[in-house]
C-alpha atoms as a PDB file:
ATOM      1  CA  MET A   1    -122.930  21.769 -70.158  1.00  0.00           C
ATOM      2  CA  GLN A   2    -125.144  21.104 -72.174  1.00  0.00           C
ATOM      3  CA  ARG A   3    -128.726  22.486 -72.544  1.00  0.00           C
ATOM      4  CA  GLY A   4    -131.458  19.896 -71.543  1.00  0.00           C
ATOM      5  CA  GLU A   5    -128.971  18.111 -69.056  1.00  0.00           C
ATOM      6  CA  SER A   6    -131.058  17.124 -66.098  1.00  0.00           C
ATOM      7  CA  ARG A   7    -130.254  18.797 -62.646  1.00  0.00           C
ATOM      8  CA  LEU A   8    -130.609  14.633 -60.993  1.00  0.00           C
ATOM      9  CA  ARG A   9    -128.220  13.575 -63.615  1.00  0.00           C
ATOM     10  CA  ALA A  10    -126.008  16.057 -63.221  1.00  0.00           C
ATOM     11  CA  GLY A  11    -125.403  15.889 -59.800  1.00  0.00           C
ATOM     12  CA  ARG A  12    -126.628  16.966 -56.560  1.00  0.00           C
ATOM     13  CA  GLU A  13    -124.043  20.685 -55.782  1.00  0.00           C
ATOM     14  CA  THR A  14    -125.565  21.646 -59.593  1.00  0.00           C
ATOM     15  CA  VAL A  15    -126.985  24.665 -59.519  1.00  0.00           C
ATOM     16  CA  PRO A  16    -128.902  26.014 -62.337  1.00  0.00           C
ATOM     17  CA  VAL A  17    -128.280  28.661 -64.961  1.00  0.00           C
ATOM     18  CA  GLU A  18    -129.570  30.273 -67.762  1.00  0.00           C
ATOM     19  CA  GLU A  19    -129.165  33.396 -70.160  1.00  0.00           C
ATOM     20  CA  LEU A  20    -130.754  36.722 -68.831  1.00  0.00           C
ATOM     21  CA  ASP A  21    -129.998  39.648 -70.928  1.00  0.00           C
ATOM     22  CA  GLY A  22    -126.175  38.492 -72.170  1.00  0.00           C
ATOM     23  CA  ARG A  23    -125.075  37.695 -69.217  1.00  0.00           C
ATOM     24  CA  LEU A  24    -125.029  34.149 -67.384  1.00  0.00           C
ATOM     25  CA  ILE A  25    -126.688  33.684 -64.123  1.00  0.00           C
ATOM     26  CA  LEU A  26    -127.990  31.483 -61.085  1.00  0.00           C
ATOM     27  CA  ASN A  27    -131.353  31.529 -60.684  1.00  0.00           C
ATOM     28  CA  ASP A  28    -131.241  28.991 -57.845  1.00  0.00           C
ATOM     29  CA  GLY A  29    -128.147  27.300 -55.535  1.00  0.00           C
ATOM     30  CA  GLN A  30    -126.456  30.864 -55.001  1.00  0.00           C
ATOM     31  CA  SER A  31    -125.915  29.874 -50.981  1.00  0.00           C
ATOM     32  CA  ARG A  32    -124.360  26.711 -52.686  1.00  0.00           C
ATOM     33  CA  ALA A  33    -122.364  28.251 -54.724  1.00  0.00           C
ATOM     34  CA  LEU A  34    -121.157  30.740 -51.997  1.00  0.00           C
ATOM     35  CA  ALA A  35    -120.003  27.579 -50.158  1.00  0.00           C
ATOM     36  CA  SER A  36    -118.300  26.228 -52.795  1.00  0.00           C
ATOM     37  CA  LEU A  37    -116.306  29.014 -53.106  1.00  0.00           C
ATOM     38  CA  LEU A  38    -116.408  28.850 -48.865  1.00  0.00           C
ATOM     39  CA  ARG A  39    -114.423  25.221 -48.753  1.00  0.00           C
ATOM     40  CA  GLY A  40    -111.838  26.249 -51.604  1.00  0.00           C
ATOM     41  CA  GLU A  41    -113.160  25.270 -54.225  1.00  0.00           C
ATOM     42  CA  ILE A  42    -112.533  26.572 -58.266  1.00  0.00           C
ATOM     43  CA  GLY A  43    -116.245  26.416 -60.011  1.00  0.00           C
ATOM     44  CA  ILE A  44    -119.334  23.783 -59.269  1.00  0.00           C
ATOM     45  CA  ARG A  45    -121.060  22.141 -62.056  1.00  0.00           C
ATOM     46  CA  ALA A  46    -124.193  23.953 -63.830  1.00  0.00           C
ATOM     47  CA  CYS A  47    -126.592  22.535 -65.672  1.00  0.00           C
ATOM     48  CA  TRP A  48    -129.350  24.920 -67.633  1.00  0.00           C
ATOM     49  CA  GLU A  49    -132.605  25.514 -66.194  1.00  0.00           C
ATOM     50  CA  ASP A  50    -135.410  23.764 -67.348  1.00  0.00           C
ATOM     51  CA  GLU A  51    -138.209  24.663 -65.825  1.00  0.00           C
ATOM     52  CA  ARG A  52    -140.230  27.859 -66.970  1.00  0.00           C
ATOM     53  CA  LEU A  53    -140.067  30.677 -65.061  1.00  0.00           C
ATOM     54  CA  ASP A  54    -140.852  34.223 -64.881  1.00  0.00           C
ATOM     55  CA  TRP A  55    -137.776  35.783 -66.045  1.00  0.00           C
ATOM     56  CA  GLU A  56    -138.657  39.469 -66.241  1.00  0.00           C
ATOM     57  CA  GLU A  57    -138.814  39.095 -62.497  1.00  0.00           C
ATOM     58  CA  TYR A  58    -135.462  37.760 -62.220  1.00  0.00           C
ATOM     59  CA  GLY A  59    -134.398  40.395 -64.052  1.00  0.00           C
ATOM     60  CA  VAL A  60    -135.270  42.489 -61.292  1.00  0.00           C
ATOM     61  CA  GLY A  61    -133.771  41.000 -59.117  1.00  0.00           C
ATOM     62  CA  ILE A  62    -130.280  40.695 -60.889  1.00  0.00           C
ATOM     63  CA  ASP A  63    -130.948  44.391 -61.243  1.00  0.00           C
ATOM     64  CA  TRP A  64    -130.828  44.748 -57.012  1.00  0.00           C
ATOM     65  CA  CYS A  65    -128.006  42.632 -57.014  1.00  0.00           C
ATOM     66  CA  LEU A  66    -126.176  44.879 -59.727  1.00  0.00           C
ATOM     67  CA  THR A  67    -127.290  47.684 -57.546  1.00  0.00           C
ATOM     68  CA  VAL A  68    -125.894  46.700 -54.647  1.00  0.00           C
ATOM     69  CA  GLY A  69    -122.523  45.381 -56.196  1.00  0.00           C
ATOM     70  CA  THR A  70    -123.017  41.429 -56.451  1.00  0.00           C
ATOM     71  CA  ARG A  71    -121.688  40.596 -59.529  1.00  0.00           C
ATOM     72  CA  SER A  72    -121.393  36.822 -58.018  1.00  0.00           C
ATOM     73  CA  ALA A  73    -121.054  34.341 -55.021  1.00  0.00           C
ATOM     74  CA  ALA A  74    -117.243  35.845 -54.689  1.00  0.00           C
ATOM     75  CA  ASP A  75    -119.051  39.336 -54.351  1.00  0.00           C
ATOM     76  CA  ARG A  76    -121.591  37.933 -51.057  1.00  0.00           C
ATOM     77  CA  GLN A  77    -118.472  36.817 -49.109  1.00  0.00           C
ATOM     78  CA  ASP A  78    -118.904  39.557 -46.300  1.00  0.00           C
ATOM     79  CA  ARG A  79    -122.560  39.805 -46.446  1.00  0.00           C
ATOM     80  CA  ILE A  80    -123.586  36.365 -44.839  1.00  0.00           C
ATOM     81  CA  ILE A  81    -126.757  36.863 -43.364  1.00  0.00           C
ATOM     82  CA  LEU A  82    -128.748  34.736 -40.290  1.00  0.00           C
ATOM     83  CA  ALA A  83    -132.143  33.188 -42.319  1.00  0.00           C
ATOM     84  CA  TRP A  84    -134.859  34.968 -40.556  1.00  0.00           C
ATOM     85  CA  GLU A  85    -133.060  38.274 -41.913  1.00  0.00           C
ATOM     86  CA  TYR A  86    -132.916  36.689 -45.478  1.00  0.00           C
ATOM     87  CA  GLU A  87    -136.384  36.095 -45.159  1.00  0.00           C
ATOM     88  CA  THR A  88    -137.060  40.034 -44.217  1.00  0.00           C
ATOM     89  CA  ALA A  89    -134.285  41.292 -46.796  1.00  0.00           C
ATOM     90  CA  TRP A  90    -135.254  39.322 -49.603  1.00  0.00           C
ATOM     91  CA  ILE A  91    -137.946  37.194 -49.886  1.00  0.00           C
ATOM     92  CA  SER A  92    -140.152  39.890 -47.951  1.00  0.00           C
ATOM     93  CA  ARG A  93    -138.690  42.010 -51.226  1.00  0.00           C
ATOM     94  CA  CYS A  94    -139.587  40.147 -53.718  1.00  0.00           C
ATOM     95  CA  GLN A  95    -143.233  39.196 -52.378  1.00  0.00           C
ATOM     96  CA  SER A  96    -144.062  42.716 -52.121  1.00  0.00           C
ATOM     97  CA  MET A  97    -142.504  43.484 -56.123  1.00  0.00           C
ATOM     98  CA  ARG A  98    -144.898  39.961 -57.176  1.00  0.00           C
ATOM     99  CA  GLU A  99    -148.192  41.959 -55.452  1.00  0.00           C
ATOM    100  CA  ILE A 100    -146.395  44.866 -57.313  1.00  0.00           C
ATOM    101  CA  ARG A 101    -146.534  43.023 -60.703  1.00  0.00           C
ATOM    102  CA  ALA A 102    -150.123  41.589 -60.248  1.00  0.00           C
ATOM    103  CA  GLN A 103    -151.512  45.191 -59.598  1.00  0.00           C
ATOM    104  CA  GLN A 104    -150.155  46.765 -62.667  1.00  0.00           C
ATOM    105  CA  ARG A 105    -151.223  43.185 -64.683  1.00  0.00           C
ATOM    106  CA  GLY A 106    -154.512  43.685 -63.056  1.00  0.00           C
ATOM    107  CA  ALA A 107    -154.792  47.546 -63.989  1.00  0.00           C
ATOM    108  CA  GLU A 108    -153.606  46.530 -67.668  1.00  0.00           C
ATOM    109  CA  GLU A 109    -156.277  44.190 -68.626  1.00  0.00           C
ATOM    110  CA  ARG A 110    -159.246  46.538 -66.973  1.00  0.00           C
ATOM    111  CA  ARG A 111    -157.954  48.647 -69.334  1.00  0.00           C
END
C-alpha cells in the first residue's frame, strides 16, 4: 500500500487507514472488515486515507473503542447490532461529542 493510492484504484473492498498516535486505524470500513473476517478471509485491502479529517475527533472515538476492549474487527464478532442500535449507540454519541466540542471551541474563541 502506497500513500496516495486512491480507493477507487485499490478496489471496492478497500478500507481507508491512517496512523493515529502510533497506531494504524481504520477510519471507515469497520463493518466491511468484519464481514471479510466472518467470510473467512485473512485480510482486506487498505489504502491510506486521502481526506482531511478531524483526527482529534477520531482520537476520541478510538479511545471509546479501546475502553470497551475493541482493538480490531475481530473484537466486534460478538457485538453485532441492528442498524437502529448503531444509530443510538454510536452515531448519536458522536453527534453529542461534536456538539460539545463545538461549544468548547466557541467558548475558547470568546476568551
